[in-house]
Amino acid sequence: MSTDRRAQIVTGAIELIATRGIRALTHRALDTQLALPAGSTSYYFRTRRALIEAVADGITTRSRADFVAAQDESSADPEDLTRVARAESASRPMDPVQVAHDIATWLDQLLVHRRNELIARHALIIEVLSDPELHGRLAGSLFSLDRATDLFSALGAAEPREWAHDFLALLEGLVFDRFAGLRAGTAGTVDQLARPLTDFLTSGQSRQPNSE
């Protein structure tokens, strides 16, 4: 019951932030939204920081669960690209166009099924800028820098870690554009997401990051 109640509160916190904004996140508001006895949220999460930590952990856990599920279906999850990259680099050059399409497909599903998580995560990242430890946990809760580095190593990038950092910045921008930017509320497509990914991955095979 304790684990279920904690998960219920974390889900409720994500929904509350996504629908009412970061200022609405209070223990009392969560008790009311979830129809819990007064004091329930503070019993499980004594402070606001503890609640935000739980949200960060919840998003990370969901991302890892999606990764496991994707392994049984396709290579569409960027977290799964480590295995694909190593296998392909050992036998033949990777196809950046196909890799970009796979990642775009995963991003599209992310935007459809986890939109509220994306909104809540972005709001919280700004909220905790002055807390480096918590900010780092939230910033790394969705995309994996290590696996992106593996991808660019397989592509033959001269500085795969730098390329990985830039690539995650691109992913963050594409996601933000679709849930809160100029394209928010419009019907995006996988091909639309894949175009800039293809350009970046293709250039990663032959140029240094941030070079002209």
Protein backbone atom coordinates (compact mmCIF):
# COMPACT_ATOMS: atom_id res chain seq x y z
CA MET A 1 0.00 0.00 0.00
CA SER A 2 2.83 2.41 0.90
CA THR A 3 4.47 1.96 -2.51
CA ASP A 4 1.14 2.33 -4.31
CA ARG A 5 0.29 5.49 -2.39
CA ARG A 6 3.70 7.02 -3.12
CA ALA A 7 3.28 6.26 -6.83
CA GLN A 8 -0.22 7.75 -6.73
CA ILE A 9 1.11 10.96 -5.19
CA VAL A 10 3.95 11.23 -7.73
CA THR A 11 1.51 10.78 -10.61
CA GLY A 12 -0.79 13.34 -9.03
CA ALA A 13 2.08 15.81 -8.67
CA ILE A 14 2.93 15.47 -12.36
CA GLU A 15 -0.70 16.01 -13.35
CA LEU A 16 -1.03 18.99 -11.00
CA ILE A 17 2.05 20.75 -12.36
CA ALA A 18 1.08 20.04 -15.99
CA THR A 19 -2.47 21.34 -15.61
CA ARG A 20 -2.18 24.09 -12.99
CA GLY A 21 1.47 25.14 -12.98
CA ILE A 22 4.42 24.80 -10.63
CA ARG A 23 3.02 27.23 -8.05
CA ALA A 24 0.08 24.89 -7.50
CA LEU A 25 2.35 22.12 -6.20
CA THR A 26 1.67 21.94 -2.48
CA HIS A 27 1.07 19.05 -0.13
CA ARG A 28 -2.43 20.29 0.62
CA ALA A 29 -3.32 20.69 -3.06
CA LEU A 30 -2.24 17.11 -3.74
CA ASP A 31 -4.32 15.79 -0.84
CA THR A 32 -7.32 17.61 -2.28
CA GLN A 33 -6.72 16.56 -5.88
CA LEU A 34 -6.28 12.90 -4.96
CA ALA A 35 -9.09 12.90 -2.38
CA LEU A 36 -6.67 11.82 0.34
CA PRO A 37 -7.02 12.50 4.06
CA ALA A 38 -5.41 15.78 5.08
CA GLY A 39 -1.72 15.34 5.75
CA SER A 40 -1.31 12.23 3.58
CA THR A 41 1.14 13.76 1.11
CA SER A 42 3.31 15.27 3.85
CA TYR A 43 3.36 11.89 5.61
CA TYR A 44 5.05 10.27 2.60
CA PHE A 45 7.05 13.31 1.44
CA ARG A 46 7.92 15.59 4.32
CA THR A 47 9.24 18.48 2.23
CA ARG A 48 8.64 20.01 -1.17
CA ARG A 49 12.16 18.94 -2.16
CA ALA A 50 11.41 15.32 -1.25
CA LEU A 51 8.32 15.50 -3.45
CA ILE A 52 10.29 16.91 -6.39
CA GLU A 53 12.95 14.22 -5.91
CA ALA A 54 10.21 11.59 -6.13
CA VAL A 55 8.90 13.13 -9.34
CA ALA A 56 12.41 13.08 -10.87
CA ASP A 57 12.85 9.45 -9.85
CA GLY A 58 9.41 8.59 -11.24
CA ILE A 59 10.21 10.07 -14.65
CA THR A 60 13.56 8.26 -14.71
CA THR A 61 11.92 4.96 -13.79
CA ARG A 62 9.31 5.41 -16.51
CA SER A 63 12.03 6.15 -19.07
CA ARG A 64 13.89 2.96 -18.12
CA ALA A 65 10.67 0.94 -18.25
CA ASP A 66 10.00 2.28 -21.74
CA PHE A 67 13.52 1.23 -22.69
CA VAL A 68 12.93 -2.34 -21.56
CA ALA A 69 9.60 -2.48 -23.40
CA ALA A 70 11.14 -1.06 -26.55
CA GLN A 71 13.79 -3.78 -26.59
CA ASP A 72 11.01 -6.31 -27.19
CA GLU A 73 9.54 -4.31 -30.07
CA SER A 74 12.10 -2.27 -31.97
CA SER A 75 15.16 -0.06 -31.67
CA ALA A 76 13.04 3.10 -31.49
CA ASP A 77 14.11 4.04 -27.96
CA PRO A 78 17.33 6.10 -27.92
CA GLU A 79 18.34 4.19 -24.77
CA ASP A 80 18.39 1.05 -26.93
CA LEU A 81 20.85 2.47 -29.43
CA THR A 82 23.88 1.22 -27.49
CA ARG A 83 23.11 -2.37 -28.41
CA VAL A 84 22.20 -1.47 -31.99
CA ALA A 85 25.24 0.76 -32.45
CA ARG A 86 27.70 -1.86 -31.25
CA ALA A 87 26.16 -4.60 -33.38
CA GLU A 88 26.07 -2.49 -36.53
CA SER A 89 29.50 -0.94 -36.14
CA ALA A 90 30.99 -4.40 -35.86
CA SER A 91 29.49 -5.53 -39.17
CA ARG A 92 28.67 -2.50 -41.35
CA PRO A 93 28.49 1.31 -41.17
CA MET A 94 25.46 2.66 -39.35
CA ASP A 95 22.71 4.30 -41.37
CA PRO A 96 22.12 7.72 -39.76
CA VAL A 97 18.86 8.10 -41.69
CA GLN A 98 17.41 4.94 -40.14
CA VAL A 99 18.73 5.80 -36.69
CA ALA A 100 17.17 9.27 -36.97
CA HIS A 101 13.84 7.76 -37.98
CA ASP A 102 13.93 5.35 -35.03
CA ILE A 103 14.64 8.15 -32.58
CA ALA A 104 11.97 10.37 -34.16
CA THR A 105 9.44 7.56 -33.78
CA TRP A 106 10.31 7.26 -30.09
CA LEU A 107 10.07 11.03 -29.60
CA ASP A 108 6.68 11.08 -31.27
CA GLN A 109 5.41 8.39 -28.91
CA LEU A 110 6.91 10.28 -25.99
CA LEU A 111 4.99 13.40 -26.96
CA VAL A 112 1.74 11.47 -27.33
CA HIS A 113 1.85 9.34 -24.20
CA ARG A 114 3.99 11.33 -21.73
CA ARG A 115 3.13 14.95 -22.50
CA ASN A 116 2.28 15.83 -18.90
CA GLU A 117 5.60 14.41 -17.72
CA LEU A 118 7.42 16.58 -20.24
CA ILE A 119 5.59 19.71 -19.07
CA ALA A 120 6.15 18.94 -15.38
CA ARG A 121 9.82 18.10 -15.91
CA HIS A 122 10.48 21.34 -17.76
CA ALA A 123 8.75 23.42 -15.08
CA LEU A 124 10.67 21.68 -12.31
CA ILE A 125 14.05 22.02 -14.06
CA ILE A 126 13.63 25.79 -13.98
CA GLU A 127 12.32 25.69 -10.40
CA VAL A 128 15.43 23.92 -9.06
CA LEU A 129 18.19 25.72 -10.98
CA SER A 130 19.76 26.76 -7.67
CA ASP A 131 19.95 23.12 -6.52
CA PRO A 132 22.67 21.48 -8.68
CA GLU A 133 22.08 17.94 -7.40
CA LEU A 134 18.34 17.96 -7.94
CA HIS A 135 18.64 19.89 -11.20
CA GLY A 136 21.05 17.25 -12.51
CA ARG A 137 18.65 14.45 -11.62
CA LEU A 138 15.80 16.12 -13.46
CA ALA A 139 17.93 17.11 -16.46
CA GLY A 140 19.14 13.51 -16.84
CA SER A 141 15.78 11.87 -16.23
CA LEU A 142 14.69 11.60 -19.87
CA PHE A 143 17.68 11.17 -22.20
CA SER A 144 20.93 9.30 -21.52
CA LEU A 145 24.22 11.11 -22.18
CA ASP A 146 26.18 7.85 -21.89
CA ARG A 147 24.10 6.09 -24.53
CA ALA A 148 24.21 9.08 -26.82
CA THR A 149 27.99 9.01 -26.45
CA ASP A 150 27.99 5.34 -27.46
CA LEU A 151 25.94 6.25 -30.52
CA PHE A 152 28.42 8.87 -31.72
CA SER A 153 31.33 6.56 -31.01
CA ALA A 154 29.70 4.04 -33.34
CA LEU A 155 29.18 6.77 -35.93
CA GLY A 156 32.89 7.54 -35.80
CA ALA A 157 32.67 11.06 -34.36
CA ALA A 158 36.08 12.42 -33.32
CA GLU A 159 34.70 13.74 -30.02
CA PRO A 160 31.67 11.55 -29.25
CA ARG A 161 31.01 13.06 -25.80
CA GLU A 162 30.79 16.57 -27.21
CA TRP A 163 28.55 15.39 -30.04
CA ALA A 164 26.37 13.61 -27.49
CA HIS A 165 25.91 16.79 -25.45
CA ASP A 166 24.90 18.71 -28.58
CA PHE A 167 22.59 15.93 -29.69
CA LEU A 168 20.73 15.87 -26.36
CA ALA A 169 20.33 19.64 -26.65
CA LEU A 170 18.71 19.05 -30.06
CA LEU A 171 16.38 16.40 -28.63
CA GLU A 172 15.36 18.73 -25.80
CA GLY A 173 14.63 21.49 -28.30
CA LEU A 174 12.56 19.27 -30.58
CA VAL A 175 10.49 18.02 -27.68
CA PHE A 176 9.96 21.51 -26.26
CA ASP A 177 8.90 22.84 -29.67
CA ARG A 178 6.16 20.22 -29.86
CA PHE A 179 4.70 20.57 -26.36
CA ALA A 180 5.31 24.25 -25.56
CA GLY A 181 6.95 26.01 -28.53
CA LEU A 182 5.66 27.39 -31.80
CA ARG A 183 4.39 23.98 -32.92
CA ALA A 184 2.52 23.25 -29.68
CA GLY A 185 -1.01 22.10 -30.43
CA THR A 186 -0.25 21.30 -34.07
CA ALA A 187 -0.21 17.85 -35.61
CA GLY A 188 3.47 17.01 -35.93
CA THR A 189 4.85 14.01 -37.77
CA VAL A 190 7.68 11.54 -37.37
CA ASP A 191 9.23 12.83 -40.61
CA GLN A 192 9.20 16.37 -39.24
CA LEU A 193 11.16 15.22 -36.19
CA ALA A 194 13.48 13.03 -38.25
CA ARG A 195 14.74 15.77 -40.59
CA PRO A 196 16.94 17.71 -38.13
CA LEU A 197 18.01 14.45 -36.47
CA THR A 198 19.17 13.08 -39.81
CA ASP A 199 21.14 16.24 -40.58
CA PHE A 200 22.84 16.15 -37.18
CA LEU A 201 23.66 12.44 -37.20
CA THR A 202 24.99 12.63 -40.75
CA SER A 203 27.25 15.55 -39.89
CA GLY A 204 28.42 13.67 -36.81
CA GLN A 205 30.16 11.17 -39.04
CA SER A 206 32.47 13.72 -40.59
CA ARG A 207 32.79 16.99 -38.63
CA GLN A 208 33.78 18.23 -35.18
CA PRO A 209 30.98 19.50 -32.91
CA ASN A 210 30.16 23.20 -33.24
CA SER A 211 32.50 23.56 -36.24
CA GLU A 212 31.82 25.66 -39.29
